[in-house]
Amino acid sequence: MRALAVVALAAAAGALACTHPPAATQASPSASGGTLARVYYWRAKPGKFAEYTDYIQKLAEPIDHEAQRRGAFLSVTTYMGSDTSTTWTHMRVFILRDSVQLAGLSAALDAAGVAIEPDSAKRRARSQYGATLRDAAGSATYRLLP
C-alpha cells in the first residue's frame, strides 16, 4: 500500500512538472552588470487592476524600451501582486548599472516619453489617464548582492 502511495505521489509530481515548465534561465542582475535596483510600488485603484495592467503594457513599456535602448537602465520587470489586500498591486523593478544611471533614470524616462510621443498635450493626457488608474504606494532603491 505504501509503495502504491509513493508511485501515485511521484506520478502527480511528474504531471505537475509537465504543466509548469521551468523558468527561462537568465543571467542574474549582478552578472549582467547591475548593482542597484530602483523599485516603484503602485496600487491599482478599485476596479482598475486589469485596466492599469493594460496601461503598463501598452503605454509605459514602450517608453521603458526606448529608455533602455538609450542606456538609461539594464532591465525592467513588472510584478503583479495576486493579493489585492496588500499595499501594492504592481511593482516595477529597474536594474541599474550604477549610481550614475540611478541619478539619471527619471530624466531618461521623461526623455524617452518625449521621443515616443512628441506632443506635450498628448503626454499630459496620458499622464492624467494613468493617475485615474493607480496611486503611488512607495519607492525604494536597493543594492544587489554580487
C-alpha atoms as a PDB file:
ATOM      1  CA  MET A   1       0.000   0.000   0.000  1.00  0.00           C
ATOM      2  CA  ARG A   2       2.835   2.382   0.868  1.00  0.00           C
ATOM      3  CA  ALA A   3       4.594   1.655  -2.427  1.00  0.00           C
ATOM      4  CA  LEU A   4       1.393   2.486  -4.290  1.00  0.00           C
ATOM      5  CA  ALA A   5       1.135   5.824  -2.466  1.00  0.00           C
ATOM      6  CA  VAL A   6       4.753   6.654  -3.346  1.00  0.00           C
ATOM      7  CA  VAL A   7       4.149   5.794  -7.016  1.00  0.00           C
ATOM      8  CA  ALA A   8       0.970   7.914  -7.064  1.00  0.00           C
ATOM      9  CA  LEU A   9       2.801  10.842  -5.458  1.00  0.00           C
ATOM     10  CA  ALA A  10       5.671  10.546  -7.960  1.00  0.00           C
ATOM     11  CA  ALA A  11       3.212  10.434 -10.867  1.00  0.00           C
ATOM     12  CA  ALA A  12       1.393  13.519  -9.570  1.00  0.00           C
ATOM     13  CA  ALA A  13       4.681  15.386  -9.171  1.00  0.00           C
ATOM     14  CA  GLY A  14       5.707  14.408 -12.701  1.00  0.00           C
ATOM     15  CA  ALA A  15       2.386  15.582 -14.124  1.00  0.00           C
ATOM     16  CA  LEU A  16       2.694  18.853 -12.229  1.00  0.00           C
ATOM     17  CA  ALA A  17       6.225  19.372 -13.550  1.00  0.00           C
ATOM     18  CA  CYS A  18       4.938  18.928 -17.098  1.00  0.00           C
ATOM     19  CA  THR A  19       2.241  21.567 -16.634  1.00  0.00           C
ATOM     20  CA  HIS A  20       4.643  24.152 -15.209  1.00  0.00           C
ATOM     21  CA  PRO A  21       7.725  24.412 -17.420  1.00  0.00           C
ATOM     22  CA  PRO A  22      10.861  25.639 -15.710  1.00  0.00           C
ATOM     23  CA  ALA A  23      11.510  29.368 -15.826  1.00  0.00           C
ATOM     24  CA  ALA A  24      13.786  30.577 -18.568  1.00  0.00           C
ATOM     25  CA  THR A  25      17.377  30.759 -17.479  1.00  0.00           C
ATOM     26  CA  GLN A  26      18.601  34.343 -17.282  1.00  0.00           C
ATOM     27  CA  ALA A  27      21.783  35.863 -16.047  1.00  0.00           C
ATOM     28  CA  SER A  28      21.454  37.277 -12.559  1.00  0.00           C
ATOM     29  CA  PRO A  29      21.275  41.093 -12.435  1.00  0.00           C
ATOM     30  CA  SER A  30      24.759  41.284 -10.957  1.00  0.00           C
ATOM     31  CA  ALA A  31      26.086  39.028 -13.731  1.00  0.00           C
ATOM     32  CA  SER A  32      24.680  41.481 -16.276  1.00  0.00           C
ATOM     33  CA  GLY A  33      26.482  44.373 -14.590  1.00  0.00           C
ATOM     34  CA  GLY A  34      23.626  45.538 -12.361  1.00  0.00           C
ATOM     35  CA  THR A  35      24.452  46.827  -8.896  1.00  0.00           C
ATOM     36  CA  LEU A  36      21.251  48.696  -7.964  1.00  0.00           C
ATOM     37  CA  ALA A  37      17.508  48.228  -8.258  1.00  0.00           C
ATOM     38  CA  ARG A  38      15.100  51.145  -8.283  1.00  0.00           C
ATOM     39  CA  VAL A  39      11.689  49.816  -7.289  1.00  0.00           C
ATOM     40  CA  TYR A  40       8.364  51.584  -7.700  1.00  0.00           C
ATOM     41  CA  TYR A  41       5.273  50.258  -5.932  1.00  0.00           C
ATOM     42  CA  TRP A  42       1.844  51.118  -7.354  1.00  0.00           C
ATOM     43  CA  ARG A  43      -1.661  50.302  -6.183  1.00  0.00           C
ATOM     44  CA  ALA A  44      -4.348  49.984  -8.835  1.00  0.00           C
ATOM     45  CA  LYS A  45      -7.486  51.861  -7.892  1.00  0.00           C
ATOM     46  CA  PRO A  46     -10.509  49.703  -7.025  1.00  0.00           C
ATOM     47  CA  GLY A  47     -11.866  48.008 -10.125  1.00  0.00           C
ATOM     48  CA  LYS A  48      -8.903  49.230 -12.225  1.00  0.00           C
ATOM     49  CA  PHE A  49      -6.434  46.328 -11.847  1.00  0.00           C
ATOM     50  CA  ALA A  50      -6.829  44.983 -15.400  1.00  0.00           C
ATOM     51  CA  GLU A  51      -7.022  48.454 -16.918  1.00  0.00           C
ATOM     52  CA  TYR A  52      -3.838  49.539 -15.122  1.00  0.00           C
ATOM     53  CA  THR A  53      -2.078  46.351 -16.231  1.00  0.00           C
ATOM     54  CA  ASP A  54      -3.099  47.171 -19.808  1.00  0.00           C
ATOM     55  CA  TYR A  55      -1.818  50.747 -19.343  1.00  0.00           C
ATOM     56  CA  ILE A  56       1.587  49.428 -18.287  1.00  0.00           C
ATOM     57  CA  GLN A  57       1.801  47.065 -21.249  1.00  0.00           C
ATOM     58  CA  LYS A  58       0.583  49.485 -23.909  1.00  0.00           C
ATOM     59  CA  LEU A  59       1.779  52.896 -22.697  1.00  0.00           C
ATOM     60  CA  ALA A  60       4.560  52.519 -20.118  1.00  0.00           C
ATOM     61  CA  GLU A  61       6.524  49.619 -21.609  1.00  0.00           C
ATOM     62  CA  PRO A  62       7.206  51.314 -24.985  1.00  0.00           C
ATOM     63  CA  ILE A  63       8.681  54.257 -23.072  1.00  0.00           C
ATOM     64  CA  ASP A  64      10.714  51.870 -20.927  1.00  0.00           C
ATOM     65  CA  HIS A  65      12.058  50.074 -24.006  1.00  0.00           C
ATOM     66  CA  GLU A  66      13.087  53.382 -25.578  1.00  0.00           C
ATOM     67  CA  ALA A  67      14.818  54.495 -22.376  1.00  0.00           C
ATOM     68  CA  GLN A  68      16.593  51.134 -22.113  1.00  0.00           C
ATOM     69  CA  ARG A  69      17.676  51.363 -25.762  1.00  0.00           C
ATOM     70  CA  ARG A  70      19.214  54.754 -24.907  1.00  0.00           C
ATOM     71  CA  GLY A  71      21.150  53.243 -21.977  1.00  0.00           C
ATOM     72  CA  ALA A  72      19.020  54.506 -19.087  1.00  0.00           C
ATOM     73  CA  PHE A  73      18.978  51.138 -17.286  1.00  0.00           C
ATOM     74  CA  LEU A  74      19.823  47.477 -17.826  1.00  0.00           C
ATOM     75  CA  SER A  75      16.388  45.867 -17.423  1.00  0.00           C
ATOM     76  CA  VAL A  76      12.904  46.383 -16.073  1.00  0.00           C
ATOM     77  CA  THR A  77      10.432  43.825 -14.771  1.00  0.00           C
ATOM     78  CA  THR A  78       6.869  44.358 -13.605  1.00  0.00           C
ATOM     79  CA  TYR A  79       5.428  42.133 -10.895  1.00  0.00           C
ATOM     80  CA  MET A  80       1.728  41.941 -10.092  1.00  0.00           C
ATOM     81  CA  GLY A  81       0.512  41.010  -6.653  1.00  0.00           C
ATOM     82  CA  SER A  82      -2.109  38.295  -6.546  1.00  0.00           C
ATOM     83  CA  ASP A  83      -3.454  39.504  -3.206  1.00  0.00           C
ATOM     84  CA  THR A  84      -5.204  42.851  -3.696  1.00  0.00           C
ATOM     85  CA  SER A  85      -5.331  43.429   0.075  1.00  0.00           C
ATOM     86  CA  THR A  86      -1.590  44.233   0.136  1.00  0.00           C
ATOM     87  CA  THR A  87      -0.243  47.773  -0.070  1.00  0.00           C
ATOM     88  CA  TRP A  88       0.766  47.412  -3.734  1.00  0.00           C
ATOM     89  CA  THR A  89      -0.694  45.657  -6.757  1.00  0.00           C
ATOM     90  CA  HIS A  90       2.093  46.365  -9.273  1.00  0.00           C
ATOM     91  CA  MET A  91       5.820  46.583  -8.595  1.00  0.00           C
ATOM     92  CA  ARG A  92       8.211  47.807 -11.289  1.00  0.00           C
ATOM     93  CA  VAL A  93      11.889  46.953 -10.783  1.00  0.00           C
ATOM     94  CA  PHE A  94      14.553  48.773 -12.806  1.00  0.00           C
ATOM     95  CA  ILE A  95      18.016  47.200 -12.665  1.00  0.00           C
ATOM     96  CA  LEU A  96      20.765  49.794 -12.923  1.00  0.00           C
ATOM     97  CA  ARG A  97      24.468  49.516 -13.572  1.00  0.00           C
ATOM     98  CA  ASP A  98      25.467  52.179 -11.043  1.00  0.00           C
ATOM     99  CA  SER A  99      24.545  55.394  -9.225  1.00  0.00           C
ATOM    100  CA  VAL A 100      25.038  57.409 -12.425  1.00  0.00           C
ATOM    101  CA  GLN A 101      22.193  55.517 -14.095  1.00  0.00           C
ATOM    102  CA  LEU A 102      20.139  55.885 -10.914  1.00  0.00           C
ATOM    103  CA  ALA A 103      20.635  59.652 -10.849  1.00  0.00           C
ATOM    104  CA  GLY A 104      19.562  59.977 -14.483  1.00  0.00           C
ATOM    105  CA  LEU A 105      16.674  57.471 -14.501  1.00  0.00           C
ATOM    106  CA  SER A 106      13.781  59.891 -14.110  1.00  0.00           C
ATOM    107  CA  ALA A 107      15.099  62.325 -16.733  1.00  0.00           C
ATOM    108  CA  ALA A 108      15.866  59.442 -19.102  1.00  0.00           C
ATOM    109  CA  LEU A 109      12.334  58.075 -18.774  1.00  0.00           C
ATOM    110  CA  ASP A 110      10.929  61.569 -19.394  1.00  0.00           C
ATOM    111  CA  ALA A 111      13.128  61.980 -22.495  1.00  0.00           C
ATOM    112  CA  ALA A 112      12.026  58.587 -23.802  1.00  0.00           C
ATOM    113  CA  GLY A 113       8.404  59.637 -23.267  1.00  0.00           C
ATOM    114  CA  VAL A 114       9.023  62.736 -25.399  1.00  0.00           C
ATOM    115  CA  ALA A 115      10.660  60.596 -28.093  1.00  0.00           C
ATOM    116  CA  ILE A 116       7.684  58.201 -28.143  1.00  0.00           C
ATOM    117  CA  GLU A 117       5.075  60.992 -28.001  1.00  0.00           C
ATOM    118  CA  PRO A 118       6.402  64.445 -29.000  1.00  0.00           C
ATOM    119  CA  ASP A 119       3.012  66.150 -28.490  1.00  0.00           C
ATOM    120  CA  SER A 120       3.054  67.581 -24.945  1.00  0.00           C
ATOM    121  CA  ALA A 121      -0.763  67.724 -24.753  1.00  0.00           C
ATOM    122  CA  LYS A 122      -0.979  64.003 -25.546  1.00  0.00           C
ATOM    123  CA  ARG A 123       1.731  63.202 -22.967  1.00  0.00           C
ATOM    124  CA  ARG A 124      -0.127  65.215 -20.334  1.00  0.00           C
ATOM    125  CA  ALA A 125      -3.387  63.412 -21.183  1.00  0.00           C
ATOM    126  CA  ARG A 126      -1.596  60.044 -20.902  1.00  0.00           C
ATOM    127  CA  SER A 127      -0.226  61.044 -17.500  1.00  0.00           C
ATOM    128  CA  GLN A 128      -3.639  62.214 -16.306  1.00  0.00           C
ATOM    129  CA  TYR A 129      -5.194  58.961 -17.508  1.00  0.00           C
ATOM    130  CA  GLY A 130      -2.566  56.954 -15.594  1.00  0.00           C
ATOM    131  CA  ALA A 131      -3.420  58.915 -12.443  1.00  0.00           C
ATOM    132  CA  THR A 132      -7.033  57.718 -12.717  1.00  0.00           C
ATOM    133  CA  LEU A 133      -5.839  54.098 -12.654  1.00  0.00           C
ATOM    134  CA  ARG A 134      -3.373  53.919  -9.785  1.00  0.00           C
ATOM    135  CA  ASP A 135      -1.847  55.545  -6.743  1.00  0.00           C
ATOM    136  CA  ALA A 136       1.810  55.570  -5.785  1.00  0.00           C
ATOM    137  CA  ALA A 137       2.430  53.122  -2.946  1.00  0.00           C
ATOM    138  CA  GLY A 138       6.112  53.858  -2.447  1.00  0.00           C
ATOM    139  CA  SER A 139       9.541  53.506  -3.960  1.00  0.00           C
ATOM    140  CA  ALA A 140      12.957  52.408  -2.812  1.00  0.00           C
ATOM    141  CA  THR A 141      16.465  51.791  -4.051  1.00  0.00           C
ATOM    142  CA  TYR A 142      18.195  48.532  -3.206  1.00  0.00           C
ATOM    143  CA  ARG A 143      21.750  47.306  -3.624  1.00  0.00           C
ATOM    144  CA  LEU A 144      22.027  43.935  -5.385  1.00  0.00           C
ATOM    145  CA  LEU A 145      24.062  41.133  -3.900  1.00  0.00           C
ATOM    146  CA  PRO A 146      27.095  40.293  -6.032  1.00  0.00           C
END
